[in-house]
Amino acid sequence: MSTTTIRIEDALKARVTAAAERAGKTAHAFIVDAIAQTVEQAELDDEFHRVADARWAKVLATGKTVPWDEAKAYLEARSHGERARKPVARKPRR
């Protein structure tokens, strides 16, 4: 395990100490948890953007999309526990 030194303002250090006490943790454990959560969120964000970019590239390559009204109806039905036919992507009518 390695050691990293950080410099933080006194006011923030006091807030960390108080929050850690409320959470029943040491300030060190609180800071390590905060860093781990931030890294995990950054990784999730990166994956989200990778998937979105791939899907957008597919839309641009094929020109096919699902109309919003069909997607919305499908999602609403599924959210109510209903079985619904998955909408099919197609090129928009002009």
C-alpha atoms as a PDB file:
ATOM      1  CA  MET A   1       0.000   0.000   0.000  1.00  0.00           C
ATOM      2  CA  SER A   2       1.350   3.421  -0.853  1.00  0.00           C
ATOM      3  CA  THR A   3       1.044   6.744   0.934  1.00  0.00           C
ATOM      4  CA  THR A   4      -0.254   9.944  -0.639  1.00  0.00           C
ATOM      5  CA  THR A   5      -0.159  13.330   1.009  1.00  0.00           C
ATOM      6  CA  ILE A   6      -2.867  15.892   0.297  1.00  0.00           C
ATOM      7  CA  ARG A   7      -3.209  19.474   1.374  1.00  0.00           C
ATOM      8  CA  ILE A   8      -6.692  20.704   2.219  1.00  0.00           C
ATOM      9  CA  GLU A   9      -7.996  23.890   3.742  1.00  0.00           C
ATOM     10  CA  ASP A  10      -8.528  23.845   7.514  1.00  0.00           C
ATOM     11  CA  ALA A  11     -12.260  24.413   7.111  1.00  0.00           C
ATOM     12  CA  LEU A  12     -12.608  21.408   4.801  1.00  0.00           C
ATOM     13  CA  LYS A  13     -10.516  19.257   7.148  1.00  0.00           C
ATOM     14  CA  ALA A  14     -12.866  20.180  10.005  1.00  0.00           C
ATOM     15  CA  ARG A  15     -15.875  19.251   7.857  1.00  0.00           C
ATOM     16  CA  VAL A  16     -14.272  15.914   6.947  1.00  0.00           C
ATOM     17  CA  THR A  17     -13.536  15.183  10.595  1.00  0.00           C
ATOM     18  CA  ALA A  18     -17.103  15.994  11.640  1.00  0.00           C
ATOM     19  CA  ALA A  19     -18.645  13.975   8.800  1.00  0.00           C
ATOM     20  CA  ALA A  20     -16.372  11.028   9.554  1.00  0.00           C
ATOM     21  CA  GLU A  21     -17.388  11.090  13.213  1.00  0.00           C
ATOM     22  CA  ARG A  22     -21.069  11.134  12.247  1.00  0.00           C
ATOM     23  CA  ALA A  23     -20.428   8.146   9.946  1.00  0.00           C
ATOM     24  CA  GLY A  24     -18.544   6.305  12.677  1.00  0.00           C
ATOM     25  CA  LYS A  25     -15.312   6.285  10.689  1.00  0.00           C
ATOM     26  CA  THR A  26     -11.861   7.734  10.998  1.00  0.00           C
ATOM     27  CA  ALA A  27     -11.083  10.741   8.826  1.00  0.00           C
ATOM     28  CA  HIS A  28      -8.670   8.538   6.881  1.00  0.00           C
ATOM     29  CA  ALA A  29     -11.340   5.890   6.159  1.00  0.00           C
ATOM     30  CA  PHE A  30     -13.826   8.604   5.231  1.00  0.00           C
ATOM     31  CA  ILE A  31     -11.391  10.162   2.735  1.00  0.00           C
ATOM     32  CA  VAL A  32     -10.447   6.781   1.235  1.00  0.00           C
ATOM     33  CA  ASP A  33     -14.160   5.925   0.805  1.00  0.00           C
ATOM     34  CA  ALA A  34     -14.821   9.305  -0.829  1.00  0.00           C
ATOM     35  CA  ILE A  35     -11.964   8.782  -3.276  1.00  0.00           C
ATOM     36  CA  ALA A  36     -13.141   5.239  -4.086  1.00  0.00           C
ATOM     37  CA  GLN A  37     -16.712   6.462  -4.722  1.00  0.00           C
ATOM     38  CA  THR A  38     -15.476   9.274  -6.953  1.00  0.00           C
ATOM     39  CA  VAL A  39     -13.271   6.910  -8.982  1.00  0.00           C
ATOM     40  CA  GLU A  40     -16.149   4.433  -9.361  1.00  0.00           C
ATOM     41  CA  GLN A  41     -18.475   7.202 -10.567  1.00  0.00           C
ATOM     42  CA  ALA A  42     -15.865   8.403 -13.074  1.00  0.00           C
ATOM     43  CA  GLU A  43     -15.511   4.851 -14.407  1.00  0.00           C
ATOM     44  CA  LEU A  44     -19.306   4.498 -14.712  1.00  0.00           C
ATOM     45  CA  ASP A  45     -19.485   7.844 -16.513  1.00  0.00           C
ATOM     46  CA  ASP A  46     -16.753   6.737 -18.932  1.00  0.00           C
ATOM     47  CA  GLU A  47     -18.607   3.491 -19.701  1.00  0.00           C
ATOM     48  CA  PHE A  48     -21.882   5.380 -20.183  1.00  0.00           C
ATOM     49  CA  HIS A  49     -20.227   7.714 -22.695  1.00  0.00           C
ATOM     50  CA  ARG A  50     -18.539   4.799 -24.487  1.00  0.00           C
ATOM     51  CA  VAL A  51     -21.896   3.039 -24.940  1.00  0.00           C
ATOM     52  CA  ALA A  52     -23.622   6.275 -25.980  1.00  0.00           C
ATOM     53  CA  ASP A  53     -20.908   7.050 -28.543  1.00  0.00           C
ATOM     54  CA  ALA A  54     -21.166   3.528 -29.997  1.00  0.00           C
ATOM     55  CA  ARG A  55     -24.949   3.791 -30.252  1.00  0.00           C
ATOM     56  CA  TRP A  56     -24.754   7.232 -31.843  1.00  0.00           C
ATOM     57  CA  ALA A  57     -22.222   5.923 -34.391  1.00  0.00           C
ATOM     58  CA  LYS A  58     -24.688   3.131 -35.241  1.00  0.00           C
ATOM     59  CA  VAL A  59     -27.499   5.656 -35.728  1.00  0.00           C
ATOM     60  CA  LEU A  60     -25.288   7.728 -38.023  1.00  0.00           C
ATOM     61  CA  ALA A  61     -24.146   4.650 -39.973  1.00  0.00           C
ATOM     62  CA  THR A  62     -27.601   3.101 -40.461  1.00  0.00           C
ATOM     63  CA  GLY A  63     -29.876   6.118 -40.225  1.00  0.00           C
ATOM     64  CA  LYS A  64     -32.247   3.984 -38.164  1.00  0.00           C
ATOM     65  CA  THR A  65     -33.875   5.144 -34.936  1.00  0.00           C
ATOM     66  CA  VAL A  66     -36.884   4.316 -32.772  1.00  0.00           C
ATOM     67  CA  PRO A  67     -39.532   7.063 -32.802  1.00  0.00           C
ATOM     68  CA  TRP A  68     -39.918   8.668 -29.387  1.00  0.00           C
ATOM     69  CA  ASP A  69     -43.645   7.964 -29.097  1.00  0.00           C
ATOM     70  CA  GLU A  70     -43.026   4.237 -29.640  1.00  0.00           C
ATOM     71  CA  ALA A  71     -40.090   4.127 -27.228  1.00  0.00           C
ATOM     72  CA  LYS A  72     -42.093   6.025 -24.599  1.00  0.00           C
ATOM     73  CA  ALA A  73     -45.112   3.729 -24.944  1.00  0.00           C
ATOM     74  CA  TYR A  74     -42.859   0.667 -24.617  1.00  0.00           C
ATOM     75  CA  LEU A  75     -41.122   2.017 -21.517  1.00  0.00           C
ATOM     76  CA  GLU A  76     -44.391   3.043 -19.882  1.00  0.00           C
ATOM     77  CA  ALA A  77     -45.906  -0.398 -20.472  1.00  0.00           C
ATOM     78  CA  ARG A  78     -42.827  -2.147 -19.084  1.00  0.00           C
ATOM     79  CA  SER A  79     -42.760   0.140 -16.035  1.00  0.00           C
ATOM     80  CA  HIS A  80     -46.334  -0.963 -15.274  1.00  0.00           C
ATOM     81  CA  GLY A  81     -45.334  -4.638 -15.517  1.00  0.00           C
ATOM     82  CA  GLU A  82     -47.076  -5.124 -18.849  1.00  0.00           C
ATOM     83  CA  ARG A  83     -45.660  -7.197 -21.660  1.00  0.00           C
ATOM     84  CA  ALA A  84     -44.955  -4.992 -24.621  1.00  0.00           C
ATOM     85  CA  ARG A  85     -43.559  -5.495 -28.089  1.00  0.00           C
ATOM     86  CA  LYS A  86     -40.104  -3.971 -28.324  1.00  0.00           C
ATOM     87  CA  PRO A  87     -40.091  -1.176 -30.920  1.00  0.00           C
ATOM     88  CA  VAL A  88     -38.014  -1.735 -34.064  1.00  0.00           C
ATOM     89  CA  ALA A  89     -35.484   0.814 -35.280  1.00  0.00           C
ATOM     90  CA  ARG A  90     -36.146   2.129 -38.773  1.00  0.00           C
ATOM     91  CA  LYS A  91     -35.254   5.038 -40.985  1.00  0.00           C
ATOM     92  CA  PRO A  92     -37.503   8.025 -40.306  1.00  0.00           C
ATOM     93  CA  ARG A  93     -40.183   8.850 -42.854  1.00  0.00           C
ATOM     94  CA  ARG A  94     -39.719  12.204 -44.514  1.00  0.00           C
END
